[in-house]
Amino acid sequence: MTDDRRQRCGILLREHRAILFKVAAVYAHDAEDRHDLAQEIALQVWRSFASYDASRPFSTWMYRVALNVGLSHARRRSERTQPLDDALADTLGGGTPIDEPDERVAWLMRAIGALPPLDRALVMLHLDELSYAEIASVLGIAESNVGTRLNRIKQRWRHTWNSTN
């Protein structure tokens, strides 16, 4: 990689570092594991940067790389990840701390953590306000599949929320 590309990669990684932490928070159990996963994602972004097409949004490409690393990490651990806990809350929402999440936020974090890995990624991208087309591009699924999966998740959550409240 040329010095210019190396410098550009470093700048883009710093600008979009919240993606690293969000994906690590969704696919890792504890602080040490999240830190290791974030480093693994950064390394893979660095190694793969030559394949980045600058005519497309960097964040979309980085999400794809990060989610692939996160999904691989979850498969390697060969265990279902546990629901998100309060320790993860400070890494969600672009690094904005949530000292004492209200009941709805805590419920949502547990619900996201209980989803299968692909659905966790789907919800995370949706909460980051990516369009269905962008989510489809990142996850490598059809745009219609994005809408269908999100609607099913929302329906299950509405039913569960209404049953418990």
Protein backbone atom coordinates (compact mmCIF):
# COMPACT_ATOMS: atom_id res chain seq x y z
CA MET A 1 0.00 0.00 0.00
CA THR A 2 1.35 3.43 -0.89
CA ASP A 3 2.00 6.05 1.79
CA ASP A 4 -0.98 8.10 0.54
CA ARG A 5 -3.34 5.12 0.74
CA ARG A 6 -1.94 4.14 4.14
CA GLN A 7 -2.52 7.68 5.43
CA ARG A 8 -6.03 7.77 3.90
CA CYS A 9 -6.90 4.43 5.51
CA GLY A 10 -5.76 5.70 8.91
CA ILE A 11 -7.83 8.86 8.57
CA LEU A 12 -10.94 6.94 7.51
CA LEU A 13 -10.50 4.42 10.32
CA ARG A 14 -10.34 7.23 12.87
CA GLU A 15 -13.37 9.00 11.37
CA HIS A 16 -15.46 5.82 11.42
CA ARG A 17 -14.11 4.17 14.56
CA ALA A 18 -17.57 4.07 16.09
CA ILE A 19 -18.37 1.28 13.63
CA LEU A 20 -15.56 -0.81 15.15
CA PHE A 21 -16.95 -0.40 18.64
CA LYS A 22 -20.57 -0.97 17.68
CA VAL A 23 -19.82 -4.21 15.89
CA ALA A 24 -17.49 -5.36 18.69
CA ALA A 25 -20.22 -4.58 21.26
CA VAL A 26 -22.72 -6.70 19.38
CA TYR A 27 -20.47 -9.74 18.86
CA ALA A 28 -18.24 -9.86 21.96
CA HIS A 29 -19.07 -10.71 25.58
CA ASP A 30 -16.77 -8.73 27.82
CA ALA A 31 -14.53 -5.66 27.70
CA GLU A 32 -11.37 -7.60 26.84
CA ASP A 33 -13.11 -9.57 24.10
CA ARG A 34 -14.65 -6.35 22.69
CA HIS A 35 -11.22 -4.69 22.66
CA ASP A 36 -9.65 -7.68 20.90
CA LEU A 37 -12.46 -7.85 18.35
CA ALA A 38 -12.23 -4.10 17.63
CA GLN A 39 -8.50 -4.52 17.00
CA GLU A 40 -9.14 -7.54 14.77
CA ILE A 41 -11.67 -5.51 12.76
CA ALA A 42 -9.25 -2.57 12.42
CA LEU A 43 -6.53 -4.92 11.24
CA GLN A 44 -8.82 -6.50 8.64
CA VAL A 45 -9.92 -3.06 7.41
CA TRP A 46 -6.24 -2.13 7.08
CA ARG A 47 -5.38 -5.37 5.22
CA SER A 48 -8.39 -5.09 2.92
CA PHE A 49 -8.12 -1.39 2.17
CA ALA A 50 -6.65 -2.05 -1.27
CA SER A 51 -10.03 -3.53 -2.28
CA TYR A 52 -11.96 -0.42 -1.17
CA ASP A 53 -13.58 1.40 -4.10
CA ALA A 54 -13.33 5.11 -3.28
CA SER A 55 -16.36 5.86 -5.46
CA ARG A 56 -18.54 4.21 -2.79
CA PRO A 57 -19.14 5.25 0.83
CA PHE A 58 -16.35 4.09 3.12
CA SER A 59 -18.76 3.46 5.99
CA THR A 60 -20.73 0.92 3.96
CA TRP A 61 -17.56 -0.92 2.96
CA MET A 62 -16.24 -0.80 6.53
CA TYR A 63 -19.50 -2.16 7.94
CA ARG A 64 -19.24 -5.09 5.55
CA VAL A 65 -15.68 -5.86 6.62
CA ALA A 66 -16.48 -5.33 10.32
CA LEU A 67 -19.59 -7.50 10.23
CA ASN A 68 -17.75 -10.29 8.41
CA VAL A 69 -15.09 -10.25 11.13
CA GLY A 70 -17.77 -10.09 13.85
CA LEU A 71 -19.73 -13.00 12.36
CA SER A 72 -16.53 -15.04 12.01
CA HIS A 73 -15.70 -14.25 15.62
CA ALA A 74 -19.14 -15.43 16.75
CA ARG A 75 -18.80 -18.65 14.73
CA ARG A 76 -15.33 -19.32 16.15
CA ARG A 77 -16.65 -18.98 19.64
CA SER A 78 -19.39 -21.41 18.58
CA GLU A 79 -21.69 -20.15 21.24
CA ARG A 80 -24.73 -17.96 21.22
CA THR A 81 -23.77 -14.50 22.37
CA GLN A 82 -25.42 -13.32 25.53
CA PRO A 83 -27.78 -10.37 25.68
CA LEU A 84 -26.16 -6.97 25.77
CA ASP A 85 -25.57 -5.71 29.28
CA ASP A 86 -25.04 -2.30 30.82
CA ALA A 87 -21.29 -2.54 30.24
CA LEU A 88 -21.94 -2.48 26.51
CA ALA A 89 -24.27 0.48 26.61
CA ASP A 90 -21.43 3.02 26.53
CA THR A 91 -20.26 1.73 23.16
CA LEU A 92 -23.63 1.98 21.46
CA GLY A 93 -24.89 5.11 19.78
CA GLY A 94 -21.51 6.35 18.53
CA GLY A 95 -19.82 6.16 21.91
CA THR A 96 -22.40 8.18 23.83
CA PRO A 97 -22.46 6.83 27.39
CA ILE A 98 -25.73 5.60 28.76
CA ASP A 99 -25.20 5.61 32.52
CA GLU A 100 -28.58 4.30 33.53
CA PRO A 101 -30.59 3.15 30.54
CA ASP A 102 -34.31 3.42 31.03
CA GLU A 103 -36.39 0.26 30.93
CA ARG A 104 -37.03 0.50 27.18
CA VAL A 105 -33.34 0.91 26.29
CA ALA A 106 -32.32 -1.96 28.58
CA TRP A 107 -35.05 -4.13 27.05
CA LEU A 108 -33.95 -3.23 23.52
CA MET A 109 -30.30 -4.03 24.30
CA ARG A 110 -31.29 -7.44 25.67
CA ALA A 111 -33.55 -8.07 22.66
CA ILE A 112 -30.78 -7.20 20.18
CA GLY A 113 -28.31 -9.42 22.03
CA ALA A 114 -30.72 -12.35 21.84
CA LEU A 115 -31.03 -12.16 18.05
CA PRO A 116 -29.08 -14.44 15.70
CA PRO A 117 -25.86 -12.76 14.45
CA LEU A 118 -27.20 -11.68 11.04
CA ASP A 119 -30.33 -10.14 12.56
CA ARG A 120 -28.19 -8.33 15.17
CA ALA A 121 -26.23 -6.77 12.31
CA LEU A 122 -29.44 -5.89 10.48
CA VAL A 123 -30.92 -4.11 13.51
CA MET A 124 -27.64 -2.34 14.29
CA LEU A 125 -27.45 -0.96 10.74
CA HIS A 126 -31.11 0.05 10.85
CA LEU A 127 -30.57 1.88 14.15
CA ASP A 128 -27.65 3.67 12.49
CA GLU A 129 -30.23 4.92 9.98
CA LEU A 130 -28.78 3.22 6.91
CA SER A 131 -31.26 2.86 4.07
CA TYR A 132 -32.58 -0.58 3.13
CA ALA A 133 -30.40 -0.42 0.01
CA GLU A 134 -27.29 0.35 2.09
CA ILE A 135 -28.11 -2.42 4.58
CA ALA A 136 -28.62 -4.87 1.72
CA SER A 137 -25.27 -3.86 0.25
CA VAL A 138 -23.44 -4.27 3.56
CA LEU A 139 -25.02 -7.64 4.40
CA GLY A 140 -25.11 -9.03 0.88
CA ILE A 141 -28.85 -9.74 0.95
CA ALA A 142 -31.74 -8.49 -1.17
CA GLU A 143 -33.26 -5.12 -0.27
CA SER A 144 -36.70 -6.76 0.00
CA ASN A 145 -35.20 -9.27 2.46
CA VAL A 146 -34.02 -6.37 4.64
CA GLY A 147 -37.55 -5.01 4.92
CA THR A 148 -39.10 -8.42 5.51
CA ARG A 149 -36.61 -9.38 8.22
CA LEU A 150 -36.89 -6.01 10.00
CA ASN A 151 -40.69 -6.16 9.95
CA ARG A 152 -40.67 -9.68 11.41
CA ILE A 153 -38.27 -8.65 14.15
CA LYS A 154 -40.37 -5.59 14.97
CA GLN A 155 -43.56 -7.70 15.10
CA ARG A 156 -41.94 -10.21 17.48
CA TRP A 157 -40.64 -7.40 19.65
CA ARG A 158 -44.01 -5.62 19.76
CA HIS A 159 -45.68 -8.85 20.81
CA THR A 160 -43.02 -9.54 23.47
CA TRP A 161 -43.05 -5.93 24.76
CA ASN A 162 -46.85 -5.87 24.97
CA SER A 163 -46.86 -9.24 26.77
CA THR A 164 -44.42 -8.09 29.43
CA ASN A 165 -45.75 -4.56 30.02
